[in-house]
């Protein structure tokens, strides 16, 4: 099981200097990859370019770049450009996001058929990277050339002017629902689970049984070396409260649905109710310690070491850790 560093997206203030020092330390320690993200602030690709310029070996991934933010051809352009600039280190992780962000931030309709939209998006990205022919797709969501009712009819199929460095540049998908995960196994090179519990791998046994050789399973997990487990879990619970309570609508929140499928249905709805009522501290407190604990690696050295063995025993190929300090990074490298 390889180690990756998940930096996430910047919060209220730019985090590039702290992120750079963590990425450089991760590379020195032998981490395989470093990953950035985006929500509705900093983007995922620009920080990767910054990291690429200040590192030499570590792989560079997006976990995740939002599909609604760019057309699939634009995303492919970002990926092939960064792959060239970094000497072939790019890993393209994509996610659909949810209606709140797609419609509220990007001003686009959330697709009526998310699976079809994802499949078309990946198809176009693959075509650009292979560069075997001009890109065409008779698609419902991403037709190329565009042929909608307001089209001029002058569009023609095009092929990338730039020859991609790696036609098989890895494409990974962030997927939460069972059907989405099953499709990810069929069309992508890897899966980026959001909440992964080494105690509940049976939830994914059937879908992953169809995965081809070399398929990546790369969950994100908060890690922190500390004496007080409850204190270490506090940021995990805050993250869960934000995602389960605020990253979606009351009637359509993929993160709350995922928490429910993992055995915490009543708790997920309670967190959502409190968060949406403006009682954010109460929402954080309502996140069960047990749930936060099973999806993270928190506590003293011996505790983290024992729990890390559970992650190794399952299908995880790459553990992407959100670690706020070099000491935690060094511990995981030592244990790895």
Protein backbone atom coordinates (compact mmCIF):
# COMPACT_ATOMS: atom_id res chain seq x y z
CA UNK A 1 0.00 0.00 0.00
CA UNK A 2 1.60 3.23 -1.19
CA UNK A 3 1.29 6.53 0.62
CA UNK A 4 -0.01 9.76 -0.83
CA UNK A 5 -0.44 13.22 0.66
CA UNK A 6 -3.89 14.77 0.21
CA UNK A 7 -3.64 18.55 0.54
CA UNK A 8 -7.27 19.28 -0.29
CA UNK A 9 -8.23 22.79 -1.31
CA UNK A 10 -7.28 26.09 0.24
CA UNK A 11 -9.59 27.34 2.92
CA UNK A 12 -10.25 30.94 3.73
CA UNK A 13 -6.65 31.98 3.08
CA UNK A 14 -4.11 30.78 0.49
CA UNK A 15 -2.34 27.68 1.72
CA UNK A 16 0.31 27.31 -0.94
CA UNK A 17 3.38 27.84 1.26
CA UNK A 18 2.34 25.31 3.89
CA UNK A 19 1.22 22.90 1.18
CA UNK A 20 4.54 23.21 -0.62
CA UNK A 21 6.58 22.42 2.49
CA UNK A 22 4.40 19.39 3.24
CA UNK A 23 4.67 18.16 -0.36
CA UNK A 24 8.45 18.51 -0.34
CA UNK A 25 8.68 16.65 2.96
CA UNK A 26 6.42 13.91 1.60
CA UNK A 27 8.66 13.54 -1.44
CA UNK A 28 11.75 13.36 0.76
CA UNK A 29 10.08 10.62 2.82
CA UNK A 30 9.28 8.56 -0.26
CA UNK A 31 5.56 9.24 -0.62
CA UNK A 32 4.27 8.16 -4.01
CA UNK A 33 1.86 11.03 -4.70
CA UNK A 34 0.48 14.40 -3.65
CA UNK A 35 -3.11 15.48 -4.39
CA UNK A 36 -5.02 18.76 -4.59
CA UNK A 37 -8.75 19.46 -4.69
CA UNK A 38 -11.25 22.20 -5.46
CA UNK A 39 -14.67 23.27 -4.21
CA UNK A 40 -15.66 26.90 -4.74
CA UNK A 41 -12.43 28.78 -4.14
CA UNK A 42 -8.96 27.67 -5.17
CA UNK A 43 -8.74 25.42 -8.21
CA UNK A 44 -7.02 22.03 -8.33
CA UNK A 45 -4.66 22.38 -11.27
CA UNK A 46 -2.77 25.63 -10.56
CA UNK A 47 -1.42 24.42 -7.18
CA UNK A 48 -0.27 21.21 -8.88
CA UNK A 49 1.73 23.24 -11.39
CA UNK A 50 3.35 25.07 -8.46
CA UNK A 51 4.16 21.77 -6.75
CA UNK A 52 5.48 20.29 -9.99
CA UNK A 53 7.98 23.15 -10.29
CA UNK A 54 9.30 22.54 -6.77
CA UNK A 55 9.46 18.73 -6.70
CA UNK A 56 11.16 16.09 -8.82
CA UNK A 57 9.68 12.62 -8.37
CA UNK A 58 6.40 12.64 -6.49
CA UNK A 59 3.26 11.97 -8.59
CA UNK A 60 0.75 14.83 -8.90
CA UNK A 61 -2.97 14.12 -8.66
CA UNK A 62 -6.32 15.87 -8.43
CA UNK A 63 -8.65 14.47 -5.80
CA UNK A 64 -10.80 15.74 -7.20
CA UNK A 65 -11.14 18.15 -10.12
CA UNK A 66 -14.82 18.93 -10.61
CA UNK A 67 -16.28 18.00 -13.97
CA UNK A 68 -18.71 20.91 -13.99
CA UNK A 69 -15.81 23.37 -13.75
CA UNK A 70 -14.55 22.61 -17.26
CA UNK A 71 -15.55 20.92 -20.45
CA UNK A 72 -13.93 17.49 -20.80
CA UNK A 73 -11.61 18.79 -23.52
CA UNK A 74 -10.45 21.63 -21.25
CA UNK A 75 -9.78 19.15 -18.46
CA UNK A 76 -7.80 16.96 -20.85
CA UNK A 77 -5.78 20.02 -21.87
CA UNK A 78 -4.92 20.73 -18.22
CA UNK A 79 -3.91 17.13 -17.65
CA UNK A 80 -1.74 16.70 -20.75
CA UNK A 81 -0.04 20.06 -20.17
CA UNK A 82 0.80 19.27 -16.54
CA UNK A 83 1.94 15.80 -17.55
CA UNK A 84 4.46 17.33 -19.95
CA UNK A 85 5.62 20.00 -17.48
CA UNK A 86 6.10 17.43 -14.69
CA UNK A 87 7.79 14.76 -16.78
CA UNK A 88 4.90 12.30 -16.72
CA UNK A 89 3.76 12.58 -13.10
CA UNK A 90 0.10 13.54 -13.58
CA UNK A 91 -2.83 11.54 -12.16
CA UNK A 92 -6.25 12.87 -13.16
CA UNK A 93 -8.92 12.43 -10.51
CA UNK A 94 -12.40 13.61 -11.44
CA UNK A 95 -15.64 14.07 -9.53
CA UNK A 96 -19.15 15.10 -10.49
CA UNK A 97 -19.90 17.06 -7.28
CA UNK A 98 -23.58 17.70 -6.43
CA UNK A 99 -26.46 19.95 -7.48
CA UNK A 100 -25.66 22.60 -4.87
CA UNK A 101 -22.22 23.26 -6.35
CA UNK A 102 -22.90 22.47 -10.00
CA UNK A 103 -25.90 24.78 -10.21
CA UNK A 104 -25.05 27.23 -7.43
CA UNK A 105 -21.41 27.86 -8.29
CA UNK A 106 -20.83 26.77 -11.88
CA UNK A 107 -24.24 27.84 -13.15
CA UNK A 108 -24.90 24.62 -15.01
CA UNK A 109 -27.74 22.11 -14.68
CA UNK A 110 -26.93 19.05 -12.65
CA UNK A 111 -27.16 16.15 -15.12
CA UNK A 112 -30.41 14.19 -15.03
CA UNK A 113 -28.35 11.04 -15.58
CA UNK A 114 -25.09 11.44 -13.61
CA UNK A 115 -23.73 8.07 -14.74
CA UNK A 116 -24.18 8.92 -18.42
CA UNK A 117 -22.65 12.37 -17.95
CA UNK A 118 -19.63 10.86 -16.20
CA UNK A 119 -19.20 8.16 -18.82
CA UNK A 120 -19.31 10.72 -21.66
CA UNK A 121 -16.87 13.00 -19.87
CA UNK A 122 -14.32 10.23 -19.40
CA UNK A 123 -14.79 9.11 -23.01
CA UNK A 124 -13.90 12.57 -24.33
CA UNK A 125 -10.89 12.91 -22.01
CA UNK A 126 -9.61 9.50 -23.15
CA UNK A 127 -10.03 10.46 -26.81
CA UNK A 128 -8.03 13.65 -26.35
CA UNK A 129 -5.23 11.81 -24.55
CA UNK A 130 -5.05 8.99 -27.09
CA UNK A 131 -5.00 11.44 -29.98
CA UNK A 132 -5.87 8.69 -32.46
CA UNK A 133 -8.42 10.77 -34.35
CA UNK A 134 -10.40 14.02 -34.09
CA UNK A 135 -12.60 13.94 -31.00
CA UNK A 136 -16.25 13.16 -31.65
CA UNK A 137 -19.10 12.04 -29.42
CA UNK A 138 -22.80 11.68 -30.08
CA UNK A 139 -23.51 12.39 -26.46
CA UNK A 140 -26.41 13.61 -24.42
CA UNK A 141 -24.33 15.89 -22.18
CA UNK A 142 -21.01 16.38 -23.98
CA UNK A 143 -21.63 16.17 -27.73
CA UNK A 144 -18.71 16.98 -29.97
CA UNK A 145 -18.99 18.86 -32.19
CA UNK A 146 -21.75 20.69 -30.35
CA UNK A 147 -25.05 20.24 -32.17
CA UNK A 148 -27.61 21.85 -29.86
CA UNK A 149 -30.51 24.00 -31.04
CA UNK A 150 -28.35 27.16 -30.85
CA UNK A 151 -25.38 25.66 -32.72
CA UNK A 152 -24.05 27.48 -35.80
CA UNK A 153 -23.38 24.19 -37.55
CA UNK A 154 -19.82 25.35 -38.23
CA UNK A 155 -18.10 23.23 -35.57
CA UNK A 156 -15.86 20.44 -36.79
CA UNK A 157 -14.06 17.60 -35.02
CA UNK A 158 -10.58 18.56 -33.82
CA UNK A 159 -7.54 16.69 -32.56
CA UNK A 160 -5.18 18.07 -29.93
CA UNK A 161 -2.38 20.13 -31.47
CA UNK A 162 -0.12 19.03 -28.62
CA UNK A 163 0.86 15.38 -28.62
CA UNK A 164 0.17 13.98 -25.11
CA UNK A 165 3.20 12.62 -23.29
CA UNK A 166 1.24 9.56 -22.07
CA UNK A 167 -1.86 8.46 -23.98
CA UNK A 168 -2.68 6.21 -21.03
CA UNK A 169 -2.46 8.93 -18.38
CA UNK A 170 -4.39 7.46 -15.40
CA UNK A 171 -7.94 8.66 -14.87
CA UNK A 172 -9.53 8.09 -11.47
CA UNK A 173 -13.07 8.87 -10.34
CA UNK A 174 -14.52 9.98 -7.04
CA UNK A 175 -17.66 7.87 -6.70
CA UNK A 176 -19.97 7.32 -3.74
CA UNK A 177 -23.12 5.48 -4.89
CA UNK A 178 -23.06 1.73 -5.64
CA UNK A 179 -23.89 2.13 -9.34
CA UNK A 180 -21.33 4.91 -9.71
CA UNK A 181 -18.65 2.75 -8.09
CA UNK A 182 -19.52 -0.17 -10.38
CA UNK A 183 -19.22 2.09 -13.43
CA UNK A 184 -15.92 3.48 -12.14
CA UNK A 185 -14.47 -0.02 -12.10
CA UNK A 186 -15.49 -0.41 -15.75
CA UNK A 187 -14.35 2.90 -17.22
CA UNK A 188 -11.58 4.32 -15.01
CA UNK A 189 -8.07 3.41 -13.88
CA UNK A 190 -8.88 3.92 -10.24
CA UNK A 191 -11.37 4.91 -7.58
CA UNK A 192 -11.09 7.73 -5.01
CA UNK A 193 -13.37 6.78 -2.09
CA UNK A 194 -14.31 9.67 0.17
CA UNK A 195 -15.06 7.80 3.40
CA UNK A 196 -13.30 4.46 3.59
CA UNK A 197 -13.58 2.17 6.56
CA UNK A 198 -11.30 -0.89 6.74
CA UNK A 199 -14.07 -2.48 8.82
CA UNK A 200 -16.63 -2.26 6.00
CA UNK A 201 -14.77 -3.42 2.89
CA UNK A 202 -17.52 -5.99 2.26
CA UNK A 203 -19.64 -3.09 0.99
CA UNK A 204 -17.42 -2.96 -2.09
CA UNK A 205 -16.40 -6.59 -2.58
CA UNK A 206 -18.80 -7.25 -5.43
CA UNK A 207 -17.93 -4.10 -7.40
CA UNK A 208 -14.17 -4.44 -6.92
CA UNK A 209 -14.23 -8.09 -7.94
CA UNK A 210 -14.63 -6.88 -11.52
CA UNK A 211 -11.68 -4.47 -11.32
CA UNK A 212 -8.90 -5.05 -13.87
CA UNK A 213 -5.28 -5.66 -12.88
CA UNK A 214 -3.61 -2.47 -11.76
CA UNK A 215 -6.86 -0.76 -10.75
CA UNK A 216 -6.17 1.81 -8.03
CA UNK A 217 -8.21 2.09 -4.85
CA UNK A 218 -7.07 5.32 -3.25
CA UNK A 219 -9.18 6.51 -0.29
CA UNK A 220 -8.59 9.74 1.57
CA UNK A 221 -8.09 9.61 5.34
CA UNK A 222 -7.25 12.19 7.97
CA UNK A 223 -4.13 11.24 9.95
CA UNK A 224 -2.70 12.84 13.05
CA UNK A 225 -0.12 11.76 15.58
CA UNK A 226 -1.36 12.92 18.98
CA UNK A 227 -1.83 11.73 22.55
CA UNK A 228 -5.51 12.57 22.88
CA UNK A 229 -7.68 10.61 20.43
CA UNK A 230 -10.77 12.74 21.04
CA UNK A 231 -8.79 15.88 20.27
CA UNK A 232 -7.35 14.30 17.15
CA UNK A 233 -10.82 13.35 15.95
CA UNK A 234 -12.14 16.88 16.27
CA UNK A 235 -11.02 17.99 12.75
CA UNK A 236 -12.44 14.75 11.31
CA UNK A 237 -15.80 15.44 12.92
CA UNK A 238 -15.73 19.06 11.72
CA UNK A 239 -15.06 17.87 8.18
CA UNK A 240 -17.88 15.33 8.35
CA UNK A 241 -20.32 17.87 9.73
CA UNK A 242 -19.47 20.25 6.90
CA UNK A 243 -19.83 17.62 4.17
CA UNK A 244 -22.82 15.76 5.59
CA UNK A 245 -24.58 18.91 6.73
CA UNK A 246 -23.58 21.57 4.25
CA UNK A 247 -22.26 20.03 1.03
CA UNK A 248 -25.64 19.34 -0.47
CA UNK A 249 -29.37 20.01 -0.19
CA UNK A 250 -31.60 18.76 2.60
CA UNK A 251 -33.24 16.34 0.18
CA UNK A 252 -30.18 15.45 -1.90
CA UNK A 253 -26.85 15.11 -0.16
CA UNK A 254 -24.59 12.35 -1.46
CA UNK A 255 -22.31 12.53 1.60
CA UNK A 256 -25.19 12.08 4.02
CA UNK A 257 -26.43 9.17 1.93
CA UNK A 258 -22.99 7.55 2.06
CA UNK A 259 -22.78 7.91 5.83
CA UNK A 260 -26.21 6.30 6.06
CA UNK A 261 -25.13 3.35 3.90
CA UNK A 262 -22.21 2.85 6.25
CA UNK A 263 -24.56 2.23 9.16
CA UNK A 264 -25.14 5.72 10.53
CA UNK A 265 -28.44 6.73 8.95
CA UNK A 266 -30.08 8.31 11.99
CA UNK A 267 -26.88 10.12 12.97
CA UNK A 268 -26.37 11.46 9.44
CA UNK A 269 -29.84 12.99 9.35
CA UNK A 270 -29.35 14.52 12.79
CA UNK A 271 -26.05 16.11 11.75
CA UNK A 272 -27.73 17.48 8.66
CA UNK A 273 -30.65 18.92 10.63
CA UNK A 274 -28.37 20.68 13.10
CA UNK A 275 -26.05 22.07 10.44
CA UNK A 276 -28.87 23.42 8.30
CA UNK A 277 -30.44 25.01 11.39
CA UNK A 278 -27.25 27.00 11.90
CA UNK A 279 -26.16 24.96 14.93
CA UNK A 280 -22.79 24.02 13.50
CA UNK A 281 -21.00 23.25 16.76
CA UNK A 282 -23.86 20.96 17.74
CA UNK A 283 -23.61 19.30 14.31
CA UNK A 284 -19.93 18.59 14.90
CA UNK A 285 -20.68 17.15 18.33
CA UNK A 286 -23.42 14.95 16.82
CA UNK A 287 -20.97 13.18 14.51
CA UNK A 288 -20.31 9.84 16.22
CA UNK A 289 -16.75 9.42 17.43
CA UNK A 290 -16.91 5.82 16.25
CA UNK A 291 -17.60 6.85 12.65
CA UNK A 292 -14.93 9.54 12.61
CA UNK A 293 -12.46 7.10 14.12
CA UNK A 294 -12.99 4.25 11.68
CA UNK A 295 -12.32 6.42 8.62
CA UNK A 296 -9.16 8.06 10.00
CA UNK A 297 -5.79 7.30 11.58
CA UNK A 298 -5.57 9.27 14.81
CA UNK A 299 -3.79 8.84 18.13
CA UNK A 300 -0.44 7.75 19.56
CA UNK A 301 2.12 5.87 17.49
CA UNK A 302 1.17 2.37 18.65
CA UNK A 303 -2.52 2.98 17.98
CA UNK A 304 -1.90 4.31 14.47
CA UNK A 305 0.46 1.41 13.73
CA UNK A 306 -2.15 -1.17 14.75
CA UNK A 307 -4.93 0.48 12.80
CA UNK A 308 -2.74 0.93 9.73
CA UNK A 309 -2.51 -2.86 9.47
CA UNK A 310 -6.29 -2.99 8.98
CA UNK A 311 -5.98 -0.67 5.98
CA UNK A 312 -3.21 -2.82 4.51
CA UNK A 313 -5.28 -5.97 4.85
CA UNK A 314 -7.94 -4.76 2.40
CA UNK A 315 -8.00 -3.75 -1.28
CA UNK A 316 -6.49 -0.29 -0.79
CA UNK A 317 -3.54 0.31 -3.14
CA UNK A 318 -2.84 3.95 -2.20
CA UNK A 319 -3.66 5.61 1.11
CA UNK A 320 -4.04 9.37 0.61
CA UNK A 321 -3.56 10.99 3.99
CA UNK A 322 -4.54 14.47 5.03
CA UNK A 323 -1.79 15.10 7.55
CA UNK A 324 -1.35 18.60 9.00
CA UNK A 325 2.22 18.23 10.23
CA UNK A 326 5.56 16.69 9.20
CA UNK A 327 5.69 14.50 12.33
CA UNK A 328 2.61 12.59 11.18
CA UNK A 329 4.02 12.25 7.68
CA UNK A 330 7.27 10.85 9.08
CA UNK A 331 5.44 8.38 11.31
CA UNK A 332 3.43 6.94 8.44
CA UNK A 333 6.55 6.70 6.30
CA UNK A 334 8.33 4.85 9.12
CA UNK A 335 5.40 2.47 9.53
CA UNK A 336 5.06 1.98 5.78
